Amino acid sequence: MVEPASPPTLPRDAIVLGFDFGTRRIGVAVGNTLTASARPLEQLPADPAERRFARIGELLRDWQPALLVVGRPQHADGTPNATTPKCERFARQLGGRFGLPVVLVDERYSSVAGDGDDPDNDAQAAATILRQYLDSVSTAGSR
């Protein structure tokens, strides 16, 4: 589920931000490695990019995360969809602009796990993506 196969080693109590990328909105969540928990933070408009990255910069200054997790959209069979390259570009931009490690995780079904009528559905999806990641690294660490 996690790409690349060897995620960065994090402190036991690291803060992690998660992103659910979309072409209209980007959901943001915060979590930590100590409790392997995550909660929705907010939704950002995807455009204009300058404003999006300015707000992300503010969130990074506020939360001081050790890692960024981005949900990678795919078809149900695991093949890339039309949004996948845009999401991968967003992940590369995050790493390049802010100098933090970025991990892509399989986000299939994260958006449908939330309430479609909820105006914060993208932030909920980001929390789901982040929980999936935190669960995968806490399980890997306990082996």
Protein backbone atom coordinates (compact mmCIF):
# COMPACT_ATOMS: atom_id res chain seq x y z
CA MET A 1 0.00 0.00 0.00
CA VAL A 2 2.77 2.49 0.82
CA GLU A 3 5.03 3.79 -1.93
CA PRO A 4 8.00 3.69 -1.84
CA ALA A 5 8.38 0.32 -0.13
CA SER A 6 10.70 1.70 2.54
CA PRO A 7 9.09 4.74 4.21
CA PRO A 8 11.36 7.12 6.10
CA THR A 9 12.12 6.27 9.69
CA LEU A 10 10.25 8.66 11.95
CA PRO A 11 10.50 9.51 15.63
CA ARG A 12 8.05 7.64 17.82
CA ASP A 13 5.99 10.79 18.37
CA ALA A 14 6.22 12.50 14.95
CA ILE A 15 3.49 14.73 13.52
CA VAL A 16 2.39 13.81 10.00
CA LEU A 17 0.15 15.75 7.60
CA GLY A 18 -1.99 13.92 5.08
CA PHE A 19 -3.46 15.19 1.81
CA ASP A 20 -6.36 14.04 -0.34
CA PHE A 21 -5.53 15.64 -3.70
CA GLY A 22 -8.30 16.71 -6.02
CA THR A 23 -8.44 19.01 -9.02
CA ARG A 24 -10.99 21.27 -7.26
CA ARG A 25 -10.22 20.75 -3.55
CA ILE A 26 -7.46 19.28 -1.41
CA GLY A 27 -8.31 17.75 1.95
CA VAL A 28 -5.80 18.07 4.76
CA ALA A 29 -5.50 16.00 7.94
CA VAL A 30 -3.09 15.80 10.85
CA GLY A 31 -1.94 12.76 12.76
CA ASN A 32 0.89 11.41 14.84
CA THR A 33 2.92 8.26 14.93
CA LEU A 34 2.63 7.75 18.70
CA THR A 35 -1.12 7.09 18.69
CA ALA A 36 -1.44 6.23 14.96
CA SER A 37 -4.44 8.54 14.92
CA ALA A 38 -5.51 11.18 12.40
CA ARG A 39 -8.18 13.85 12.23
CA PRO A 40 -9.43 16.16 9.49
CA LEU A 41 -8.01 19.69 9.47
CA GLU A 42 -9.45 21.57 6.52
CA GLN A 43 -10.18 21.72 2.81
CA LEU A 44 -8.20 23.94 0.50
CA PRO A 45 -9.24 25.14 -2.93
CA ALA A 46 -6.88 23.56 -5.48
CA ASP A 47 -6.52 26.81 -7.41
CA PRO A 48 -4.83 29.18 -7.57
CA ALA A 49 -1.68 27.20 -6.86
CA GLU A 50 0.09 30.15 -5.22
CA ARG A 51 -2.64 30.49 -2.59
CA ARG A 52 -2.82 26.71 -2.10
CA PHE A 53 0.91 26.43 -1.43
CA ALA A 54 0.90 29.54 0.76
CA ARG A 55 -1.76 27.94 3.00
CA ILE A 56 0.09 24.63 3.03
CA GLY A 57 3.22 26.54 4.10
CA GLU A 58 1.26 28.06 7.00
CA LEU A 59 0.03 24.61 8.06
CA LEU A 60 3.58 23.25 7.93
CA ARG A 61 4.85 26.11 10.09
CA ASP A 62 2.02 25.56 12.59
CA TRP A 63 2.24 21.77 12.82
CA GLN A 64 5.97 21.14 12.09
CA PRO A 65 5.37 17.71 10.53
CA ALA A 66 8.18 15.22 9.98
CA LEU A 67 6.47 13.68 6.94
CA LEU A 68 3.76 14.40 4.37
CA VAL A 69 1.44 11.66 3.12
CA VAL A 70 -0.44 12.07 -0.16
CA GLY A 71 -3.19 9.74 -1.31
CA ARG A 72 -2.50 8.42 -4.81
CA PRO A 73 -5.72 7.98 -6.80
CA GLN A 74 -6.08 4.84 -8.89
CA HIS A 75 -8.70 2.70 -10.54
CA ALA A 76 -10.08 -0.22 -8.51
CA ASP A 77 -7.66 -2.58 -10.31
CA GLY A 78 -4.67 -0.47 -9.22
CA THR A 79 -3.95 1.17 -12.57
CA PRO A 80 -3.46 4.94 -12.75
CA ASN A 81 -6.46 7.13 -13.53
CA ALA A 82 -6.65 10.60 -15.11
CA THR A 83 -5.86 12.33 -11.79
CA THR A 84 -2.89 10.14 -10.86
CA PRO A 85 -0.20 12.14 -12.76
CA LYS A 86 -1.53 15.44 -11.36
CA CYS A 87 -1.45 14.01 -7.85
CA GLU A 88 2.09 12.70 -8.30
CA ARG A 89 3.15 16.15 -9.53
CA PHE A 90 1.52 17.73 -6.45
CA ALA A 91 3.48 15.31 -4.23
CA ARG A 92 6.77 16.19 -5.99
CA GLN A 93 5.97 19.90 -5.60
CA LEU A 94 5.35 19.45 -1.87
CA GLY A 95 8.71 17.76 -1.42
CA GLY A 96 10.54 20.27 -3.60
CA ARG A 97 8.97 23.41 -2.11
CA PHE A 98 9.09 22.44 1.53
CA GLY A 99 12.03 20.02 1.76
CA LEU A 100 10.06 17.35 3.62
CA PRO A 101 9.80 13.66 2.79
CA VAL A 102 6.59 12.77 0.96
CA VAL A 103 5.05 9.31 0.78
CA LEU A 104 2.35 8.33 -1.71
CA VAL A 105 -0.23 5.82 -0.50
CA ASP A 106 -3.02 4.00 -2.27
CA GLU A 107 -6.15 6.05 -1.67
CA ARG A 108 -8.69 3.80 -3.34
CA TYR A 109 -12.03 4.09 -1.55
CA SER A 110 -10.91 6.81 0.90
CA SER A 111 -13.34 9.40 -0.52
CA VAL A 112 -16.25 6.99 -0.55
CA ALA A 113 -15.57 6.15 3.09
CA GLY A 114 -16.71 9.66 4.05
CA ASP A 115 -20.15 11.21 3.88
CA GLY A 116 -20.77 12.56 0.37
CA ASP A 117 -23.05 15.27 1.82
CA ASP A 118 -20.41 16.45 4.28
CA PRO A 119 -18.83 19.73 3.14
CA ASP A 120 -15.55 18.57 4.72
CA ASN A 121 -15.55 15.22 2.88
CA ASP A 122 -12.10 15.86 1.39
CA ALA A 123 -10.61 16.53 4.83
CA GLN A 124 -12.28 13.33 6.10
CA ALA A 125 -10.78 11.44 3.15
CA ALA A 126 -7.34 12.89 4.01
CA ALA A 127 -7.76 11.60 7.57
CA THR A 128 -8.67 8.15 6.22
CA ILE A 129 -5.60 8.15 3.96
CA LEU A 130 -3.39 9.22 6.86
CA ARG A 131 -4.85 6.54 9.18
CA GLN A 132 -4.17 3.89 6.52
CA TYR A 133 -0.56 5.01 6.34
CA LEU A 134 -0.09 5.21 10.12
CA ASP A 135 -1.67 1.77 10.55
CA SER A 136 0.66 0.31 7.93
CA VAL A 137 3.82 1.68 9.55
CA SER A 138 2.74 0.79 13.10
CA THR A 139 1.95 -2.76 11.95
CA ALA A 140 5.27 -3.01 10.09
CA GLY A 141 7.13 -1.76 13.17
CA SER A 142 5.56 -4.37 15.45
CA ARG A 143 6.73 -7.34 13.39
